[in-house]
Amino acid sequence: MNDPVLSLIRPEILALTPYSSARKEASGGKVWLDANENPQTPHAGAPRLNRYPEPQPAEVVARLASLYGVTPDRVLVTRGSDEGIDLLLRAFCRAGQDSIVTTPPTYGMYAVAAGIQGARVITVPLVREKDFALDADAILRAVTPETKLVFLCSPNNPTGQLLDRDAVLRIVTTLATRAVVVVDEAYAEFSTEPSLVQELGAHANLVVLRTLSKAFGLAGARVGVTLASLQLIGVLQKIIAPYPIPAPVVRAALEALSPTAIAAARQSALELVGERRRLTAALAKLPHVRKIWPSDANFLLTEVTDSARVMSIARAAGLVIRDRSKDVPNTVRITIGTRAENDFVLETLARV
């Protein structure tokens, strides 16, 4: 076993014989009678939906690999990043025995997926006094022999800031044979800093999660991407559902990953970053706004004097924002919208 990360995987997963779907076994042909599909398409508006899709659509995988600068064998396409999180928990964590580390306030699905799997959650809070900085030393102290996964979100949700790259890489390097470090880069397109994807070749215990939900505007399609070593991708392919990406989603992803659409997504991200700056400056002038944390994402975590009142006025006006007070007292998270939507935010919150 030349990859030390494989020794961290549940032995029953390593020994598992995966389900072999009809589409995995098929190598081509003119008449397809291997998957018990309906040979007809009764619904005129659903061309070729009578056929199962590819388990991992090759053209989507190839375009994602090109987008992120990796080889296709390092790419797994999932139903949103949430499925990638769930697959990692199932691959590494034994119920009642293993644990993960999270850094609250952060994305809640890491802990939820761990709870479903029966894994213990060890929390190492971000340092609020340092604008929610990562405490690498505390994370390394918290890791036990039963810790299999460390989840880091950068830019972090809900706080918005990038985690210090050197601190993240120190954690990855120190835990090289002890745990897998999962860096969730769902909001990376809204930052100017380089992705940690470029570090995958140097660190077998590094996994990077990406998504087409944010900058690419495909939240409704649920297209997530897990990027990792080819050995780990091979293990995850053993446990992912046989046909995770529906044919209409494949078509939407291919359209979003065309050169023209990629350029448009990047331009859209730049425009949203400009709106982020404008909204930050305008919100800071409101008397009930105490603090706006610096953001490298498409949202702002904002501390107010009375979050309940802010939420009440927002609801009455038809403005939907997120109360994050359970994570950080008296805070709301505001997604960056269009210029008109952001103006509506300012008009509404000026009434508080």
Protein backbone atom coordinates (compact mmCIF):
# COMPACT_ATOMS: atom_id res chain seq x y z
CA MET A 1 0.00 0.00 0.00
CA ASN A 2 2.17 2.86 -1.31
CA ASP A 3 -0.31 5.63 -0.44
CA PRO A 4 -0.35 6.17 3.35
CA VAL A 5 -3.79 7.76 3.09
CA LEU A 6 -5.27 4.43 2.02
CA SER A 7 -4.37 2.99 5.43
CA LEU A 8 -6.81 5.49 6.98
CA ILE A 9 -9.77 4.22 4.97
CA ARG A 10 -12.22 1.79 6.53
CA PRO A 11 -10.91 -1.71 5.76
CA GLU A 12 -14.34 -2.92 4.66
CA ILE A 13 -14.42 -0.14 2.07
CA LEU A 14 -11.01 -1.14 0.74
CA ALA A 15 -12.22 -4.74 0.48
CA LEU A 16 -15.55 -3.78 -1.05
CA THR A 17 -16.41 -5.03 -4.51
CA PRO A 18 -18.27 -2.09 -6.04
CA TYR A 19 -21.51 -2.39 -7.94
CA SER A 20 -20.80 -2.71 -11.64
CA SER A 21 -23.45 -0.79 -13.55
CA ALA A 22 -24.46 -1.52 -17.11
CA ARG A 23 -22.96 1.74 -18.30
CA LYS A 24 -19.61 0.94 -16.67
CA GLU A 25 -19.45 -2.39 -18.45
CA ALA A 26 -20.64 -1.18 -21.86
CA SER A 27 -17.92 -0.25 -24.35
CA GLY A 28 -20.13 0.80 -27.24
CA GLY A 29 -22.69 -0.61 -29.61
CA LYS A 30 -25.66 0.19 -31.81
CA VAL A 31 -28.43 -1.67 -30.00
CA TRP A 32 -28.50 -1.21 -26.22
CA LEU A 33 -30.35 -3.98 -24.39
CA ASP A 34 -28.20 -4.39 -21.28
CA ALA A 35 -29.79 -2.10 -18.65
CA ASN A 36 -33.51 -2.91 -18.72
CA GLU A 37 -34.30 0.55 -20.04
CA ASN A 38 -37.43 1.48 -21.95
CA PRO A 39 -36.41 1.49 -25.64
CA GLN A 40 -38.91 4.27 -26.32
CA THR A 41 -39.12 7.88 -25.13
CA PRO A 42 -42.82 8.36 -24.27
CA HIS A 43 -42.30 12.02 -23.35
CA ALA A 44 -41.50 14.19 -26.36
CA GLY A 45 -39.80 16.80 -24.20
CA ALA A 46 -37.30 14.35 -22.73
CA PRO A 47 -34.93 13.25 -25.53
CA ARG A 48 -32.78 10.26 -24.60
CA LEU A 49 -33.83 10.36 -20.96
CA ASN A 50 -34.87 6.75 -21.39
CA ARG A 51 -31.16 5.87 -21.18
CA TYR A 52 -29.02 5.87 -18.05
CA PRO A 53 -26.30 8.53 -18.06
CA GLU A 54 -22.58 7.84 -17.78
CA PRO A 55 -21.55 7.10 -14.17
CA GLN A 56 -18.94 9.85 -14.48
CA PRO A 57 -19.67 11.86 -17.65
CA ALA A 58 -16.34 11.82 -19.48
CA GLU A 59 -16.66 15.20 -21.19
CA VAL A 60 -17.72 16.94 -17.97
CA VAL A 61 -14.80 15.33 -16.13
CA ALA A 62 -12.40 16.41 -18.87
CA ARG A 63 -13.61 20.01 -18.84
CA LEU A 64 -13.46 20.20 -15.05
CA ALA A 65 -9.94 18.77 -15.09
CA SER A 66 -8.93 21.44 -17.58
CA LEU A 67 -10.64 24.18 -15.55
CA TYR A 68 -8.83 23.23 -12.34
CA GLY A 69 -5.52 22.23 -13.91
CA VAL A 70 -5.48 18.56 -12.92
CA THR A 71 -5.64 15.24 -14.75
CA PRO A 72 -9.09 13.65 -15.19
CA ASP A 73 -8.23 10.76 -12.85
CA ARG A 74 -8.13 13.26 -9.97
CA VAL A 75 -11.74 14.38 -10.55
CA LEU A 76 -14.97 13.00 -9.12
CA VAL A 77 -18.25 14.70 -10.09
CA THR A 78 -20.86 14.61 -7.32
CA ARG A 79 -24.36 15.85 -6.55
CA GLY A 80 -23.11 19.09 -5.08
CA SER A 81 -20.17 19.31 -2.69
CA ASP A 82 -22.43 17.86 0.00
CA GLU A 83 -22.21 14.45 -1.64
CA GLY A 84 -18.42 14.72 -1.69
CA ILE A 85 -18.47 15.46 2.04
CA ASP A 86 -20.75 12.49 2.67
CA LEU A 87 -18.61 10.12 0.58
CA LEU A 88 -15.49 11.10 2.50
CA LEU A 89 -17.21 10.46 5.84
CA ARG A 90 -18.43 7.07 4.67
CA ALA A 91 -15.03 6.10 3.29
CA PHE A 92 -12.97 7.05 6.33
CA CYS A 93 -15.07 7.04 9.50
CA ARG A 94 -16.28 4.03 11.47
CA ALA A 95 -19.42 4.68 13.48
CA GLY A 96 -18.72 5.14 17.17
CA GLN A 97 -14.95 5.02 16.68
CA ASP A 98 -13.55 7.73 14.43
CA SER A 99 -13.72 11.51 14.51
CA ILE A 100 -13.40 14.62 12.37
CA VAL A 101 -12.22 18.14 13.16
CA THR A 102 -14.19 21.24 12.18
CA THR A 103 -13.51 24.93 12.80
CA PRO A 104 -16.71 26.76 13.79
CA PRO A 105 -18.26 29.00 12.80
CA THR A 106 -18.20 27.12 9.51
CA TYR A 107 -20.36 25.23 7.04
CA GLY A 108 -22.73 23.01 9.00
CA MET A 109 -22.82 19.98 6.69
CA TYR A 110 -19.44 18.69 7.88
CA ALA A 111 -20.89 18.05 11.33
CA VAL A 112 -24.23 16.84 9.97
CA ALA A 113 -22.56 14.29 7.70
CA ALA A 114 -20.42 13.15 10.61
CA GLY A 115 -23.50 12.75 12.80
CA ILE A 116 -25.22 10.63 10.16
CA GLN A 117 -22.13 8.43 9.94
CA GLY A 118 -21.81 8.19 13.72
CA ALA A 119 -18.45 9.95 13.81
CA ARG A 120 -17.47 12.25 16.67
CA VAL A 121 -16.99 15.95 15.88
CA ILE A 122 -14.05 17.74 17.48
CA THR A 123 -14.41 21.52 17.24
CA VAL A 124 -11.52 23.97 17.14
CA PRO A 125 -13.07 27.45 16.83
CA LEU A 126 -11.64 30.07 14.54
CA VAL A 127 -10.17 32.99 16.47
CA ARG A 128 -12.75 35.78 16.42
CA GLU A 129 -10.36 38.34 17.87
CA LYS A 130 -8.19 37.84 14.77
CA ASP A 131 -11.06 38.10 12.27
CA PHE A 132 -11.74 34.37 12.55
CA ALA A 133 -8.19 33.28 11.84
CA LEU A 134 -7.25 29.62 11.73
CA ASP A 135 -5.55 28.27 14.87
CA ALA A 136 -3.25 25.68 13.30
CA ASP A 137 -1.55 24.77 16.57
CA ALA A 138 -4.88 24.08 18.28
CA ILE A 139 -6.03 21.93 15.36
CA LEU A 140 -2.87 19.85 15.46
CA ARG A 141 -3.25 19.38 19.21
CA ALA A 142 -6.87 18.31 18.78
CA VAL A 143 -6.12 15.53 16.30
CA THR A 144 -6.16 12.08 17.88
CA PRO A 145 -5.28 8.65 16.44
CA GLU A 146 -9.01 8.25 15.70
CA THR A 147 -9.24 11.51 13.73
CA LYS A 148 -9.56 10.74 10.04
CA LEU A 149 -10.67 14.04 8.47
CA VAL A 150 -10.00 17.73 9.09
CA PHE A 151 -12.49 20.03 7.32
CA LEU A 152 -11.40 23.57 6.44
CA CYS A 153 -13.57 26.00 4.48
CA SER A 154 -11.67 28.69 2.57
CA PRO A 155 -13.14 31.21 1.95
CA ASN A 156 -15.03 30.28 5.07
CA ASN A 157 -18.81 30.19 5.31
CA PRO A 158 -20.31 32.17 7.10
CA THR A 159 -17.40 34.48 7.93
CA GLY A 160 -16.16 35.04 4.38
CA GLN A 161 -12.41 35.16 4.88
CA LEU A 162 -9.69 33.06 3.30
CA LEU A 163 -7.81 30.85 5.70
CA ASP A 164 -4.08 31.50 5.89
CA ARG A 165 -2.47 29.39 3.17
CA ASP A 166 0.73 28.71 5.10
CA ALA A 167 -1.26 27.59 8.14
CA VAL A 168 -3.37 25.24 6.03
CA LEU A 169 -0.31 23.72 4.38
CA ARG A 170 1.38 23.28 7.75
CA ILE A 171 -1.63 21.27 8.90
CA VAL A 172 -1.59 19.22 5.70
CA THR A 173 2.14 18.50 5.97
CA THR A 174 2.10 17.69 9.68
CA LEU A 175 -0.81 15.28 9.27
CA ALA A 176 0.60 13.66 6.11
CA THR A 177 0.19 10.09 7.38
CA ARG A 178 -2.33 10.75 10.16
CA ALA A 179 -5.42 12.41 8.65
CA VAL A 180 -6.88 13.77 5.44
CA VAL A 181 -7.32 17.54 5.20
CA VAL A 182 -10.39 18.56 3.18
CA VAL A 183 -10.35 22.16 1.94
CA ASP A 184 -13.76 23.36 0.78
CA GLU A 185 -13.23 26.05 -1.87
CA ALA A 186 -16.86 26.61 -2.83
CA TYR A 187 -16.29 30.39 -2.97
CA ALA A 188 -12.77 30.40 -4.42
CA GLU A 189 -13.77 32.21 -7.61
CA PHE A 190 -14.53 35.36 -5.60
CA SER A 191 -10.97 35.53 -4.28
CA THR A 192 -7.77 36.55 -6.04
CA GLU A 193 -5.62 34.06 -4.13
CA PRO A 194 -4.48 30.85 -5.89
CA SER A 195 -6.37 27.64 -5.20
CA LEU A 196 -4.89 24.85 -3.13
CA VAL A 197 -5.68 22.54 -6.04
CA GLN A 198 -2.15 23.19 -7.25
CA GLU A 199 -0.85 21.49 -4.08
CA LEU A 200 -2.60 18.16 -4.72
CA GLY A 201 0.41 16.61 -6.42
CA ALA A 202 2.62 17.27 -3.39
CA HIS A 203 0.20 16.08 -0.70
CA ALA A 204 -1.63 12.75 -0.92
CA ASN A 205 -3.68 13.65 2.18
CA LEU A 206 -5.13 16.83 0.64
CA VAL A 207 -8.65 16.91 -0.83
CA VAL A 208 -10.15 20.02 -2.42
CA LEU A 209 -13.89 20.49 -2.91
CA ARG A 210 -15.19 22.78 -5.65
CA THR A 211 -18.65 23.50 -7.02
CA LEU A 212 -20.50 25.00 -9.96
CA SER A 213 -23.21 26.29 -7.60
CA LYS A 214 -21.73 29.70 -6.82
CA ALA A 215 -19.70 31.55 -9.47
CA PHE A 216 -21.07 29.37 -12.28
CA GLY A 217 -24.70 29.90 -11.23
CA LEU A 218 -25.73 26.23 -11.24
CA ALA A 219 -27.00 25.87 -7.67
CA GLY A 220 -30.18 24.24 -8.96
CA ALA A 221 -28.27 21.64 -10.95
CA ARG A 222 -26.16 20.34 -8.03
CA VAL A 223 -22.73 19.86 -9.59
CA GLY A 224 -19.95 19.36 -7.07
CA VAL A 225 -16.35 18.35 -7.66
CA THR A 226 -14.02 16.36 -5.43
CA LEU A 227 -10.34 16.71 -6.35
CA ALA A 228 -7.85 14.32 -4.79
CA SER A 229 -5.18 11.71 -5.47
CA LEU A 230 -6.11 9.18 -8.12
CA GLN A 231 -5.98 6.43 -5.46
CA LEU A 232 -8.51 8.21 -3.24
CA ILE A 233 -10.74 9.06 -6.20
CA GLY A 234 -10.71 5.35 -7.02
CA VAL A 235 -11.93 4.52 -3.52
CA LEU A 236 -14.71 7.12 -3.65
CA GLN A 237 -15.84 5.74 -7.00
CA LYS A 238 -16.46 2.42 -5.25
CA ILE A 239 -19.09 3.92 -2.96
CA ILE A 240 -20.73 6.66 -5.01
CA ALA A 241 -24.18 5.89 -6.43
CA PRO A 242 -24.11 4.23 -9.89
CA TYR A 243 -25.58 7.18 -11.81
CA PRO A 244 -25.15 10.33 -9.69
CA ILE A 245 -25.33 12.96 -12.44
CA PRO A 246 -28.65 13.07 -14.38
CA ALA A 247 -28.50 13.65 -18.13
CA PRO A 248 -30.10 17.17 -17.96
CA VAL A 249 -27.49 18.15 -15.37
CA VAL A 250 -24.73 16.84 -17.64
CA ARG A 251 -26.01 19.08 -20.43
CA ALA A 252 -26.20 22.09 -18.11
CA ALA A 253 -22.66 21.45 -16.85
CA LEU A 254 -21.27 21.14 -20.37
CA GLU A 255 -22.88 24.46 -21.31
CA ALA A 256 -21.47 26.11 -18.18
CA LEU A 257 -18.01 24.73 -18.92
CA SER A 258 -17.76 26.01 -22.48
CA PRO A 259 -15.00 28.62 -23.03
CA THR A 260 -17.57 31.37 -23.51
CA ALA A 261 -19.50 30.44 -20.36
CA ILE A 262 -16.33 30.17 -18.27
CA ALA A 263 -15.32 33.66 -19.37
CA ALA A 264 -18.80 34.92 -18.50
CA ALA A 265 -18.63 33.29 -15.05
CA ARG A 266 -15.31 34.96 -14.36
CA GLN A 267 -16.66 38.33 -15.46
CA SER A 268 -19.73 37.83 -13.27
CA ALA A 269 -17.49 37.06 -10.29
CA LEU A 270 -15.53 40.26 -10.90
CA GLU A 271 -18.75 42.26 -11.00
CA LEU A 272 -19.96 40.69 -7.76
CA VAL A 273 -16.64 41.51 -6.11
CA GLY A 274 -17.16 45.13 -7.16
CA GLU A 275 -20.65 45.06 -5.66
CA ARG A 276 -19.20 43.47 -2.53
CA ARG A 277 -16.91 46.48 -2.08
CA ARG A 278 -19.74 48.94 -2.70
CA LEU A 279 -22.13 47.19 -0.33
CA THR A 280 -19.46 46.93 2.37
CA ALA A 281 -18.78 50.66 2.25
CA ALA A 282 -22.48 51.58 2.29
CA LEU A 283 -23.43 49.20 5.10
CA ALA A 284 -20.59 50.52 7.25
CA LYS A 285 -22.29 53.93 7.29
CA LEU A 286 -25.49 52.61 8.89
CA PRO A 287 -25.61 53.44 12.63
CA HIS A 288 -26.79 49.99 13.72
CA VAL A 289 -23.99 48.16 11.87
CA ARG A 290 -21.16 47.40 14.28
CA LYS A 291 -18.78 45.43 12.09
CA ILE A 292 -18.47 43.93 8.62
CA TRP A 293 -15.89 41.21 8.36
CA PRO A 294 -13.55 41.31 5.34
CA SER A 295 -14.87 38.88 2.73
CA ASP A 296 -13.28 36.87 -0.06
CA ALA A 297 -16.65 35.29 -0.90
CA ASN A 298 -19.97 36.45 -2.38
CA PHE A 299 -21.47 37.40 0.97
CA LEU A 300 -20.87 39.62 3.98
CA LEU A 301 -21.09 38.61 7.63
CA THR A 302 -22.37 41.73 9.36
CA GLU A 303 -22.65 42.41 13.09
CA VAL A 304 -25.59 44.61 14.06
CA THR A 305 -26.90 46.00 17.33
CA ASP A 306 -30.08 43.90 17.24
CA SER A 307 -30.24 41.04 14.75
CA ALA A 308 -33.82 40.13 15.68
CA ARG A 309 -35.01 43.63 14.74
CA VAL A 310 -32.99 43.58 11.51
CA MET A 311 -34.49 40.22 10.53
CA SER A 312 -38.01 41.41 11.38
CA ILE A 313 -37.72 44.53 9.23
CA ALA A 314 -36.13 42.54 6.41
CA ARG A 315 -38.93 39.95 6.43
CA ALA A 316 -41.59 42.66 6.41
CA ALA A 317 -39.99 44.20 3.34
CA GLY A 318 -39.65 40.88 1.55
CA LEU A 319 -35.88 40.83 1.93
CA VAL A 320 -34.49 37.36 2.65
CA ILE A 321 -31.14 37.36 4.43
CA ARG A 322 -29.68 34.83 6.86
CA ASP A 323 -29.57 35.22 10.63
CA ARG A 324 -26.24 33.75 11.80
CA SER A 325 -26.61 34.74 15.45
CA LYS A 326 -26.44 31.13 16.59
CA ASP A 327 -22.88 31.07 15.23
CA VAL A 328 -21.82 34.65 15.95
CA PRO A 329 -24.11 36.75 18.19
CA ASN A 330 -26.09 39.53 16.50
CA THR A 331 -24.91 38.79 12.98
CA VAL A 332 -26.63 38.46 9.63
CA ARG A 333 -25.18 37.08 6.42
CA ILE A 334 -26.02 39.01 3.27
CA THR A 335 -25.42 37.49 -0.14
CA ILE A 336 -24.13 39.90 -2.78
CA GLY A 337 -26.91 40.34 -5.33
CA THR A 338 -27.38 42.48 -8.40
CA ARG A 339 -26.86 46.22 -8.07
CA ALA A 340 -30.63 46.72 -7.79
CA GLU A 341 -30.93 43.99 -5.17
CA ASN A 342 -28.07 45.47 -3.16
CA ASP A 343 -29.72 48.89 -3.32
CA PHE A 344 -32.86 47.26 -1.91
CA VAL A 345 -30.77 45.82 0.94
CA LEU A 346 -29.48 49.28 1.78
CA GLU A 347 -32.92 50.90 1.54
CA THR A 348 -34.43 48.23 3.79
CA LEU A 349 -31.71 48.22 6.43
CA ALA A 350 -31.72 52.01 6.57
CA ARG A 351 -35.13 51.70 8.25
CA VAL A 352 -33.75 49.81 11.25
